[in-house]
Amino acid sequence: MDQEREPRKTYTREFKLNAVRLTTAGDVTVAQVARELGIHENTLHKWRRQLRADPKQAFPGKGRLKPDEEEVRRLRRENLRLKQENEFLKRAAVWLAREAHGSSE
């Protein structure tokens, strides 16, 4: 059977933080919170692990990288650009040296 899938739900960082907080406050279980919020219990467990592992950078947002990862990406792009500029300057220096040498003969 060819069943169409529903689009994957996305949740804001605030929603995830609040969901995790609900699991740590009071006498409710992860399963109860997940049922109340309409999410899968495993999803809520995953969010709890992510928040414990890196509280400041957990849940950066859809399509976004954690700040450290974004900095690495930016530095790699800059490094590539600088290498290309360096290669261009080397070739230009060789060309200018040949032109200067050729015009003096």
PDB file of N, CA and C in Angstrom:
ATOM      1  N   MET A   1       0.826  -1.186   0.000  1.00  0.00           N
ATOM      2  CA  MET A   1       0.000   0.000   0.000  1.00  0.00           C
ATOM      3  C   MET A   1       0.868   1.246   0.000  1.00  0.00           C
ATOM      4  N   ASP A   2       0.425   2.228  -0.745  1.00  0.00           N
ATOM      5  CA  ASP A   2       1.162   3.479  -0.842  1.00  0.00           C
ATOM      6  C   ASP A   2       0.509   4.503   0.088  1.00  0.00           C
ATOM      7  N   GLN A   3       1.084   4.655   1.269  1.00  0.00           N
ATOM      8  CA  GLN A   3       0.533   5.601   2.224  1.00  0.00           C
ATOM      9  C   GLN A   3       1.377   6.858   2.224  1.00  0.00           C
ATOM     10  N   GLU A   4       0.694   7.972   2.221  1.00  0.00           N
ATOM     11  CA  GLU A   4       1.411   9.244   2.279  1.00  0.00           C
ATOM     12  C   GLU A   4       1.733   9.550   3.728  1.00  0.00           C
ATOM     13  N   ARG A   5       2.926  10.025   3.932  1.00  0.00           N
ATOM     14  CA  ARG A   5       3.334  10.398   5.280  1.00  0.00           C
ATOM     15  C   ARG A   5       2.935  11.833   5.559  1.00  0.00           C
ATOM     16  N   GLU A   6       2.610  12.072   6.806  1.00  0.00           N
ATOM     17  CA  GLU A   6       2.355  13.444   7.216  1.00  0.00           C
ATOM     18  C   GLU A   6       3.697  14.146   7.348  1.00  0.00           C
ATOM     19  N   PRO A   7       3.729  15.446   7.081  1.00  0.00           N
ATOM     20  CA  PRO A   7       5.002  16.160   7.243  1.00  0.00           C
ATOM     21  C   PRO A   7       5.468  16.066   8.694  1.00  0.00           C
ATOM     22  N   ARG A   8       6.759  15.997   8.860  1.00  0.00           N
ATOM     23  CA  ARG A   8       7.337  15.909  10.196  1.00  0.00           C
ATOM     24  C   ARG A   8       7.024  17.182  10.972  1.00  0.00           C
ATOM     25  N   LYS A   9       6.590  17.009  12.202  1.00  0.00           N
ATOM     26  CA  LYS A   9       6.281  18.164  13.046  1.00  0.00           C
ATOM     27  C   LYS A   9       7.573  18.792  13.536  1.00  0.00           C
ATOM     28  N   THR A  10       7.559  20.091  13.643  1.00  0.00           N
ATOM     29  CA  THR A  10       8.709  20.797  14.199  1.00  0.00           C
ATOM     30  C   THR A  10       8.244  21.542  15.441  1.00  0.00           C
ATOM     31  N   TYR A  11       9.130  21.648  16.394  1.00  0.00           N
ATOM     32  CA  TYR A  11       8.813  22.291  17.664  1.00  0.00           C
ATOM     33  C   TYR A  11       9.850  23.363  17.945  1.00  0.00           C
ATOM     34  N   THR A  12       9.419  24.436  18.561  1.00  0.00           N
ATOM     35  CA  THR A  12      10.338  25.521  18.900  1.00  0.00           C
ATOM     36  C   THR A  12      11.229  25.098  20.060  1.00  0.00           C
ATOM     37  N   ARG A  13      12.303  25.821  20.211  1.00  0.00           N
ATOM     38  CA  ARG A  13      13.216  25.570  21.324  1.00  0.00           C
ATOM     39  C   ARG A  13      12.475  25.737  22.647  1.00  0.00           C
ATOM     40  N   GLU A  14      11.632  26.756  22.728  1.00  0.00           N
ATOM     41  CA  GLU A  14      10.891  27.020  23.953  1.00  0.00           C
ATOM     42  C   GLU A  14       9.954  25.862  24.289  1.00  0.00           C
ATOM     43  N   PHE A  15       9.287  25.319  23.282  1.00  0.00           N
ATOM     44  CA  PHE A  15       8.395  24.185  23.503  1.00  0.00           C
ATOM     45  C   PHE A  15       9.184  23.011  24.078  1.00  0.00           C
ATOM     46  N   LYS A  16      10.337  22.721  23.479  1.00  0.00           N
ATOM     47  CA  LYS A  16      11.154  21.601  23.935  1.00  0.00           C
ATOM     48  C   LYS A  16      11.638  21.817  25.367  1.00  0.00           C
ATOM     49  N   LEU A  17      12.097  23.036  25.651  1.00  0.00           N
ATOM     50  CA  LEU A  17      12.568  23.338  27.005  1.00  0.00           C
ATOM     51  C   LEU A  17      11.439  23.175  28.012  1.00  0.00           C
ATOM     52  N   ASN A  18      10.257  23.689  27.684  1.00  0.00           N
ATOM     53  CA  ASN A  18       9.120  23.572  28.590  1.00  0.00           C
ATOM     54  C   ASN A  18       8.695  22.123  28.766  1.00  0.00           C
ATOM     55  N   ALA A  19       8.725  21.347  27.704  1.00  0.00           N
ATOM     56  CA  ALA A  19       8.354  19.935  27.788  1.00  0.00           C
ATOM     57  C   ALA A  19       9.302  19.198  28.723  1.00  0.00           C
ATOM     58  N   VAL A  20      10.586  19.470  28.587  1.00  0.00           N
ATOM     59  CA  VAL A  20      11.567  18.817  29.456  1.00  0.00           C
ATOM     60  C   VAL A  20      11.368  19.262  30.901  1.00  0.00           C
ATOM     61  N   ARG A  21      11.106  20.543  31.108  1.00  0.00           N
ATOM     62  CA  ARG A  21      10.880  21.051  32.474  1.00  0.00           C
ATOM     63  C   ARG A  21       9.692  20.344  33.130  1.00  0.00           C
ATOM     64  N   LEU A  22       8.655  20.093  32.349  1.00  0.00           N
ATOM     65  CA  LEU A  22       7.481  19.414  32.894  1.00  0.00           C
ATOM     66  C   LEU A  22       7.831  18.017  33.413  1.00  0.00           C
ATOM     67  N   THR A  23       8.821  17.387  32.796  1.00  0.00           N
ATOM     68  CA  THR A  23       9.191  16.033  33.220  1.00  0.00           C
ATOM     69  C   THR A  23       9.996  16.039  34.502  1.00  0.00           C
ATOM     70  N   THR A  24      10.531  17.180  34.871  1.00  0.00           N
ATOM     71  CA  THR A  24      11.373  17.241  36.071  1.00  0.00           C
ATOM     72  C   THR A  24      10.642  17.884  37.238  1.00  0.00           C
ATOM     73  N   ALA A  25       9.477  18.437  36.971  1.00  0.00           N
ATOM     74  CA  ALA A  25       8.725  19.109  38.034  1.00  0.00           C
ATOM     75  C   ALA A  25       7.511  18.269  38.421  1.00  0.00           C
ATOM     76  N   GLY A  26       7.371  18.034  39.695  1.00  0.00           N
ATOM     77  CA  GLY A  26       6.179  17.341  40.159  1.00  0.00           C
ATOM     78  C   GLY A  26       6.258  15.834  40.072  1.00  0.00           C
ATOM     79  N   ASP A  27       5.100  15.234  40.125  1.00  0.00           N
ATOM     80  CA  ASP A  27       5.001  13.777  40.184  1.00  0.00           C
ATOM     81  C   ASP A  27       4.540  13.174  38.867  1.00  0.00           C
ATOM     82  N   VAL A  28       4.892  13.789  37.750  1.00  0.00           N
ATOM     83  CA  VAL A  28       4.454  13.263  36.459  1.00  0.00           C
ATOM     84  C   VAL A  28       5.597  12.498  35.797  1.00  0.00           C
ATOM     85  N   THR A  29       5.235  11.497  35.028  1.00  0.00           N
ATOM     86  CA  THR A  29       6.247  10.707  34.322  1.00  0.00           C
ATOM     87  C   THR A  29       6.461  11.290  32.931  1.00  0.00           C
ATOM     88  N   VAL A  30       7.541  10.871  32.309  1.00  0.00           N
ATOM     89  CA  VAL A  30       7.825  11.284  30.939  1.00  0.00           C
ATOM     90  C   VAL A  30       6.678  10.841  30.037  1.00  0.00           C
ATOM     91  N   ALA A  31       6.182   9.650  30.269  1.00  0.00           N
ATOM     92  CA  ALA A  31       5.090   9.123  29.450  1.00  0.00           C
ATOM     93  C   ALA A  31       3.837  10.002  29.572  1.00  0.00           C
ATOM     94  N   GLN A  32       3.527  10.440  30.801  1.00  0.00           N
ATOM     95  CA  GLN A  32       2.354  11.293  31.002  1.00  0.00           C
ATOM     96  C   GLN A  32       2.507  12.635  30.285  1.00  0.00           C
ATOM     97  N   VAL A  33       3.677  13.234  30.407  1.00  0.00           N
ATOM     98  CA  VAL A  33       3.924  14.528  29.747  1.00  0.00           C
ATOM     99  C   VAL A  33       3.834  14.354  28.233  1.00  0.00           C
ATOM    100  N   ALA A  34       4.439  13.303  27.723  1.00  0.00           N
ATOM    101  CA  ALA A  34       4.410  13.066  26.277  1.00  0.00           C
ATOM    102  C   ALA A  34       2.967  12.912  25.786  1.00  0.00           C
ATOM    103  N   ARG A  35       2.174  12.146  26.504  1.00  0.00           N
ATOM    104  CA  ARG A  35       0.764  11.967  26.119  1.00  0.00           C
ATOM    105  C   ARG A  35       0.022  13.294  26.115  1.00  0.00           C
ATOM    106  N   GLU A  36       0.217  14.076  27.166  1.00  0.00           N
ATOM    107  CA  GLU A  36      -0.467  15.372  27.279  1.00  0.00           C
ATOM    108  C   GLU A  36      -0.075  16.323  26.147  1.00  0.00           C
ATOM    109  N   LEU A  37       1.181  16.280  25.735  1.00  0.00           N
ATOM    110  CA  LEU A  37       1.670  17.194  24.699  1.00  0.00           C
ATOM    111  C   LEU A  37       1.469  16.640  23.292  1.00  0.00           C
ATOM    112  N   GLY A  38       1.086  15.368  23.206  1.00  0.00           N
ATOM    113  CA  GLY A  38       0.861  14.774  21.891  1.00  0.00           C
ATOM    114  C   GLY A  38       2.140  14.460  21.141  1.00  0.00           C
ATOM    115  N   ILE A  39       3.177  14.123  21.889  1.00  0.00           N
ATOM    116  CA  ILE A  39       4.445  13.747  21.259  1.00  0.00           C
ATOM    117  C   ILE A  39       4.807  12.333  21.708  1.00  0.00           C
ATOM    118  N   HIS A  40       5.719  11.710  20.992  1.00  0.00           N
ATOM    119  CA  HIS A  40       6.140  10.363  21.335  1.00  0.00           C
ATOM    120  C   HIS A  40       7.059  10.413  22.546  1.00  0.00           C
ATOM    121  N   GLU A  41       6.916   9.443  23.407  1.00  0.00           N
ATOM    122  CA  GLU A  41       7.732   9.388  24.617  1.00  0.00           C
ATOM    123  C   GLU A  41       9.226   9.361  24.293  1.00  0.00           C
ATOM    124  N   ASN A  42       9.611   8.628  23.248  1.00  0.00           N
ATOM    125  CA  ASN A  42      11.030   8.573  22.872  1.00  0.00           C
ATOM    126  C   ASN A  42      11.564   9.934  22.462  1.00  0.00           C
ATOM    127  N   THR A  43      10.716  10.737  21.829  1.00  0.00           N
ATOM    128  CA  THR A  43      11.114  12.097  21.442  1.00  0.00           C
ATOM    129  C   THR A  43      11.447  12.909  22.679  1.00  0.00           C
ATOM    130  N   LEU A  44      10.600  12.794  23.672  1.00  0.00           N
ATOM    131  CA  LEU A  44      10.818  13.544  24.907  1.00  0.00           C
ATOM    132  C   LEU A  44      12.074  13.061  25.635  1.00  0.00           C
ATOM    133  N   HIS A  45      12.335  11.771  25.625  1.00  0.00           N
ATOM    134  CA  HIS A  45      13.574  11.253  26.215  1.00  0.00           C
ATOM    135  C   HIS A  45      14.793  11.801  25.462  1.00  0.00           C
ATOM    136  N   LYS A  46      14.700  11.882  24.141  1.00  0.00           N
ATOM    137  CA  LYS A  46      15.804  12.412  23.328  1.00  0.00           C
ATOM    138  C   LYS A  46      16.066  13.871  23.686  1.00  0.00           C
ATOM    139  N   TRP A  47      15.003  14.651  23.824  1.00  0.00           N
ATOM    140  CA  TRP A  47      15.161  16.052  24.194  1.00  0.00           C
ATOM    141  C   TRP A  47      15.816  16.190  25.561  1.00  0.00           C
ATOM    142  N   ARG A  48      15.445  15.329  26.492  1.00  0.00           N
ATOM    143  CA  ARG A  48      16.052  15.367  27.825  1.00  0.00           C
ATOM    144  C   ARG A  48      17.553  15.096  27.733  1.00  0.00           C
ATOM    145  N   ARG A  49      17.938  14.091  26.931  1.00  0.00           N
ATOM    146  CA  ARG A  49      19.369  13.772  26.758  1.00  0.00           C
ATOM    147  C   ARG A  49      20.118  14.945  26.130  1.00  0.00           C
ATOM    148  N   GLN A  50      19.511  15.538  25.098  1.00  0.00           N
ATOM    149  CA  GLN A  50      20.174  16.662  24.419  1.00  0.00           C
ATOM    150  C   GLN A  50      20.380  17.831  25.379  1.00  0.00           C
ATOM    151  N   LEU A  51      19.395  18.119  26.197  1.00  0.00           N
ATOM    152  CA  LEU A  51      19.496  19.234  27.132  1.00  0.00           C
ATOM    153  C   LEU A  51      20.531  18.945  28.220  1.00  0.00           C
ATOM    154  N   ARG A  52      20.575  17.716  28.701  1.00  0.00           N
ATOM    155  CA  ARG A  52      21.590  17.354  29.708  1.00  0.00           C
ATOM    156  C   ARG A  52      22.997  17.435  29.120  1.00  0.00           C
ATOM    157  N   ALA A  53      23.151  17.011  27.880  1.00  0.00           N
ATOM    158  CA  ALA A  53      24.475  16.980  27.249  1.00  0.00           C
ATOM    159  C   ALA A  53      25.027  18.374  26.992  1.00  0.00           C
ATOM    160  N   ASP A  54      24.170  19.309  26.621  1.00  0.00           N
ATOM    161  CA  ASP A  54      24.645  20.641  26.256  1.00  0.00           C
ATOM    162  C   ASP A  54      23.530  21.664  26.485  1.00  0.00           C
ATOM    163  N   PRO A  55      23.309  22.086  27.733  1.00  0.00           N
ATOM    164  CA  PRO A  55      22.174  22.957  28.042  1.00  0.00           C
ATOM    165  C   PRO A  55      22.150  24.277  27.279  1.00  0.00           C
ATOM    166  N   LYS A  56      23.311  24.861  27.048  1.00  0.00           N
ATOM    167  CA  LYS A  56      23.338  26.174  26.390  1.00  0.00           C
ATOM    168  C   LYS A  56      23.077  26.085  24.890  1.00  0.00           C
ATOM    169  N   GLN A  57      23.506  24.983  24.265  1.00  0.00           N
ATOM    170  CA  GLN A  57      23.406  24.896  22.818  1.00  0.00           C
ATOM    171  C   GLN A  57      22.371  23.873  22.343  1.00  0.00           C
ATOM    172  N   ALA A  58      21.610  23.320  23.248  1.00  0.00           N
ATOM    173  CA  ALA A  58      20.596  22.347  22.846  1.00  0.00           C
ATOM    174  C   ALA A  58      19.510  23.033  22.035  1.00  0.00           C
ATOM    175  N   PHE A  59      18.997  22.346  21.067  1.00  0.00           N
ATOM    176  CA  PHE A  59      17.888  22.800  20.229  1.00  0.00           C
ATOM    177  C   PHE A  59      18.198  24.115  19.509  1.00  0.00           C
ATOM    178  N   PRO A  60      19.214  24.155  18.646  1.00  0.00           N
ATOM    179  CA  PRO A  60      19.572  25.402  17.967  1.00  0.00           C
ATOM    180  C   PRO A  60      18.530  25.883  16.968  1.00  0.00           C
ATOM    181  N   GLY A  61      17.649  25.029  16.505  1.00  0.00           N
ATOM    182  CA  GLY A  61      16.614  25.434  15.563  1.00  0.00           C
ATOM    183  C   GLY A  61      16.764  24.735  14.235  1.00  0.00           C
ATOM    184  N   LYS A  62      15.702  24.755  13.470  1.00  0.00           N
ATOM    185  CA  LYS A  62      15.672  24.054  12.188  1.00  0.00           C
ATOM    186  C   LYS A  62      16.678  24.680  11.225  1.00  0.00           C
ATOM    187  N   GLY A  63      17.559  23.844  10.715  1.00  0.00           N
ATOM    188  CA  GLY A  63      18.532  24.316   9.738  1.00  0.00           C
ATOM    189  C   GLY A  63      19.666  25.120  10.318  1.00  0.00           C
ATOM    190  N   ARG A  64      19.694  25.258  11.605  1.00  0.00           N
ATOM    191  CA  ARG A  64      20.764  26.028  12.239  1.00  0.00           C
ATOM    192  C   ARG A  64      21.762  25.087  12.877  1.00  0.00           C
ATOM    193  N   LEU A  65      22.973  25.575  12.963  1.00  0.00           N
ATOM    194  CA  LEU A  65      24.021  24.822  13.632  1.00  0.00           C
ATOM    195  C   LEU A  65      24.224  25.410  15.018  1.00  0.00           C
ATOM    196  N   LYS A  66      24.808  24.617  15.879  1.00  0.00           N
ATOM    197  CA  LYS A  66      25.194  25.140  17.179  1.00  0.00           C
ATOM    198  C   LYS A  66      26.237  26.222  16.936  1.00  0.00           C
ATOM    199  N   PRO A  67      26.328  27.206  17.818  1.00  0.00           N
ATOM    200  CA  PRO A  67      27.286  28.301  17.602  1.00  0.00           C
ATOM    201  C   PRO A  67      28.706  27.832  17.327  1.00  0.00           C
ATOM    202  N   ASP A  68      29.167  26.824  18.040  1.00  0.00           N
ATOM    203  CA  ASP A  68      30.529  26.326  17.808  1.00  0.00           C
ATOM    204  C   ASP A  68      30.667  25.744  16.411  1.00  0.00           C
ATOM    205  N   GLU A  69      29.658  24.994  15.981  1.00  0.00           N
ATOM    206  CA  GLU A  69      29.702  24.392  14.643  1.00  0.00           C
ATOM    207  C   GLU A  69      29.624  25.467  13.563  1.00  0.00           C
ATOM    208  N   GLU A  70      28.826  26.497  13.801  1.00  0.00           N
ATOM    209  CA  GLU A  70      28.718  27.598  12.843  1.00  0.00           C
ATOM    210  C   GLU A  70      30.050  28.323  12.715  1.00  0.00           C
ATOM    211  N   GLU A  71      30.750  28.513  13.832  1.00  0.00           N
ATOM    212  CA  GLU A  71      32.059  29.170  13.809  1.00  0.00           C
ATOM    213  C   GLU A  71      33.061  28.339  13.017  1.00  0.00           C
ATOM    214  N   VAL A  72      33.049  27.025  13.204  1.00  0.00           N
ATOM    215  CA  VAL A  72      33.945  26.144  12.444  1.00  0.00           C
ATOM    216  C   VAL A  72      33.639  26.258  10.960  1.00  0.00           C
ATOM    217  N   ARG A  73      32.364  26.264  10.595  1.00  0.00           N
ATOM    218  CA  ARG A  73      31.980  26.389   9.192  1.00  0.00           C
ATOM    219  C   ARG A  73      32.465  27.711   8.606  1.00  0.00           C
ATOM    220  N   ARG A  74      32.273  28.796   9.366  1.00  0.00           N
ATOM    221  CA  ARG A  74      32.706  30.114   8.907  1.00  0.00           C
ATOM    222  C   ARG A  74      34.221  30.151   8.717  1.00  0.00           C
ATOM    223  N   LEU A  75      34.962  29.581   9.657  1.00  0.00           N
ATOM    224  CA  LEU A  75      36.420  29.580   9.571  1.00  0.00           C
ATOM    225  C   LEU A  75      36.914  28.732   8.402  1.00  0.00           C
ATOM    226  N   ARG A  76      36.240  27.630   8.130  1.00  0.00           N
ATOM    227  CA  ARG A  76      36.624  26.802   6.976  1.00  0.00           C
ATOM    228  C   ARG A  76      36.411  27.559   5.671  1.00  0.00           C
ATOM    229  N   ARG A  77      35.287  28.263   5.578  1.00  0.00           N
ATOM    230  CA  ARG A  77      35.036  29.066   4.362  1.00  0.00           C
ATOM    231  C   ARG A  77      36.095  30.147   4.211  1.00  0.00           C
ATOM    232  N   GLU A  78      36.412  30.815   5.313  1.00  0.00           N
ATOM    233  CA  GLU A  78      37.429  31.867   5.271  1.00  0.00           C
ATOM    234  C   GLU A  78      38.794  31.287   4.905  1.00  0.00           C
ATOM    235  N   ASN A  79      39.121  30.135   5.453  1.00  0.00           N
ATOM    236  CA  ASN A  79      40.389  29.474   5.141  1.00  0.00           C
ATOM    237  C   ASN A  79      40.473  29.159   3.648  1.00  0.00           C
ATOM    238  N   LEU A  80      39.402  28.631   3.081  1.00  0.00           N
ATOM    239  CA  LEU A  80      39.380  28.321   1.650  1.00  0.00           C
ATOM    240  C   LEU A  80      39.568  29.586   0.813  1.00  0.00           C
ATOM    241  N   ARG A  81      38.870  30.653   1.180  1.00  0.00           N
ATOM    242  CA  ARG A  81      39.000  31.921   0.455  1.00  0.00           C
ATOM    243  C   ARG A  81      40.427  32.436   0.513  1.00  0.00           C
ATOM    244  N   LEU A  82      41.047  32.369   1.684  1.00  0.00           N
ATOM    245  CA  LEU A  82      42.425  32.853   1.834  1.00  0.00           C
ATOM    246  C   LEU A  82      43.410  32.002   1.034  1.00  0.00           C
ATOM    247  N   LYS A  83      43.188  30.695   0.997  1.00  0.00           N
ATOM    248  CA  LYS A  83      44.043  29.826   0.180  1.00  0.00           C
ATOM    249  C   LYS A  83      43.931  30.199  -1.297  1.00  0.00           C
ATOM    250  N   GLN A  84      42.710  30.461  -1.742  1.00  0.00           N
ATOM    251  CA  GLN A  84      42.501  30.831  -3.140  1.00  0.00           C
ATOM    252  C   GLN A  84      43.167  32.173  -3.448  1.00  0.00           C
ATOM    253  N   GLU A  85      43.034  33.120  -2.539  1.00  0.00           N
ATOM    254  CA  GLU A  85      43.685  34.417  -2.745  1.00  0.00           C
ATOM    255  C   GLU A  85      45.201  34.256  -2.772  1.00  0.00           C
ATOM    256  N   ASN A  86      45.730  33.438  -1.887  1.00  0.00           N
ATOM    257  CA  ASN A  86      47.168  33.193  -1.833  1.00  0.00           C
ATOM    258  C   ASN A  86      47.661  32.587  -3.146  1.00  0.00           C
ATOM    259  N   GLU A  87      46.932  31.599  -3.663  1.00  0.00           N
ATOM    260  CA  GLU A  87      47.293  30.960  -4.934  1.00  0.00           C
ATOM    261  C   GLU A  87      47.264  31.977  -6.079  1.00  0.00           C
ATOM    262  N   PHE A  88      46.252  32.836  -6.073  1.00  0.00           N
ATOM    263  CA  PHE A  88      46.161  33.866  -7.108  1.00  0.00           C
ATOM    264  C   PHE A  88      47.366  34.811  -7.041  1.00  0.00           C
ATOM    265  N   LEU A  89      47.713  35.228  -5.827  1.00  0.00           N
ATOM    266  CA  LEU A  89      48.842  36.147  -5.668  1.00  0.00           C
ATOM    267  C   LEU A  89      50.159  35.504  -6.100  1.00  0.00           C
ATOM    268  N   LYS A  90      50.331  34.224  -5.818  1.00  0.00           N
ATOM    269  CA  LYS A  90      51.546  33.524  -6.263  1.00  0.00           C
ATOM    270  C   LYS A  90      51.624  33.529  -7.785  1.00  0.00           C
ATOM    271  N   ARG A  91      50.518  33.218  -8.431  1.00  0.00           N
ATOM    272  CA  ARG A  91      50.503  33.185  -9.900  1.00  0.00           C
ATOM    273  C   ARG A  91      50.723  34.576 -10.484  1.00  0.00           C
ATOM    274  N   ALA A  92      50.150  35.573  -9.853  1.00  0.00           N
ATOM    275  CA  ALA A  92      50.330  36.945 -10.326  1.00  0.00           C
ATOM    276  C   ALA A  92      51.790  37.368 -10.181  1.00  0.00           C
ATOM    277  N   ALA A  93      52.419  36.968  -9.087  1.00  0.00           N
ATOM    278  CA  ALA A  93      53.823  37.319  -8.872  1.00  0.00           C
ATOM    279  C   ALA A  93      54.705  36.658  -9.925  1.00  0.00           C
ATOM    280  N   VAL A  94      54.431  35.413 -10.259  1.00  0.00           N
ATOM    281  CA  VAL A  94      55.200  34.715 -11.299  1.00  0.00           C
ATOM    282  C   VAL A  94      55.003  35.426 -12.635  1.00  0.00           C
ATOM    283  N   TRP A  95      53.769  35.760 -12.954  1.00  0.00           N
ATOM    284  CA  TRP A  95      53.471  36.428 -14.224  1.00  0.00           C
ATOM    285  C   TRP A  95      54.176  37.785 -14.292  1.00  0.00           C
ATOM    286  N   LEU A  96      54.100  38.571 -13.198  1.00  0.00           N
ATOM    287  CA  LEU A  96      54.756  39.897 -13.188  1.00  0.00           C
ATOM    288  C   LEU A  96      56.270  39.749 -13.315  1.00  0.00           C
ATOM    289  N   ALA A  97      56.834  38.740 -12.667  1.00  0.00           N
ATOM    290  CA  ALA A  97      58.281  38.533 -12.764  1.00  0.00           C
ATOM    291  C   ALA A  97      58.676  38.212 -14.206  1.00  0.00           C
ATOM    292  N   ARG A  98      57.883  37.386 -14.884  1.00  0.00           N
ATOM    293  CA  ARG A  98      58.171  37.056 -16.279  1.00  0.00           C
ATOM    294  C   ARG A  98      58.047  38.288 -17.180  1.00  0.00           C
ATOM    295  N   GLU A  99      57.032  39.082 -16.925  1.00  0.00           N
ATOM    296  CA  GLU A  99      56.834  40.303 -17.729  1.00  0.00           C
ATOM    297  C   GLU A  99      57.985  41.289 -17.505  1.00  0.00           C
ATOM    298  N   ALA A 100      58.396  41.439 -16.275  1.00  0.00           N
ATOM    299  CA  ALA A 100      59.487  42.368 -15.976  1.00  0.00           C
ATOM    300  C   ALA A 100      60.799  41.858 -16.572  1.00  0.00           C
ATOM    301  N   HIS A 101      61.023  40.573 -16.496  1.00  0.00           N
ATOM    302  CA  HIS A 101      62.246  39.983 -17.030  1.00  0.00           C
ATOM    303  C   HIS A 101      62.249  40.039 -18.563  1.00  0.00           C
ATOM    304  N   GLY A 102      61.110  39.784 -19.163  1.00  0.00           N
ATOM    305  CA  GLY A 102      60.999  39.780 -20.623  1.00  0.00           C
ATOM    306  C   GLY A 102      61.136  41.159 -21.232  1.00  0.00           C
ATOM    307  N   SER A 103      60.722  42.206 -20.565  1.00  0.00           N
ATOM    308  CA  SER A 103      60.782  43.549 -21.124  1.00  0.00           C
ATOM    309  C   SER A 103      62.168  44.170 -20.977  1.00  0.00           C
ATOM    310  N   SER A 104      63.036  43.594 -20.134  1.00  0.00           N
ATOM    311  CA  SER A 104      64.385  44.147 -19.954  1.00  0.00           C
ATOM    312  C   SER A 104      65.356  43.585 -20.975  1.00  0.00           C
ATOM    313  N   GLU A 105      64.989  42.566 -21.730  1.00  0.00           N
ATOM    314  CA  GLU A 105      65.907  42.001 -22.716  1.00  0.00           C
ATOM    315  C   GLU A 105      65.879  42.738 -24.009  1.00  0.00           C
TER     316      GLU A 105
END
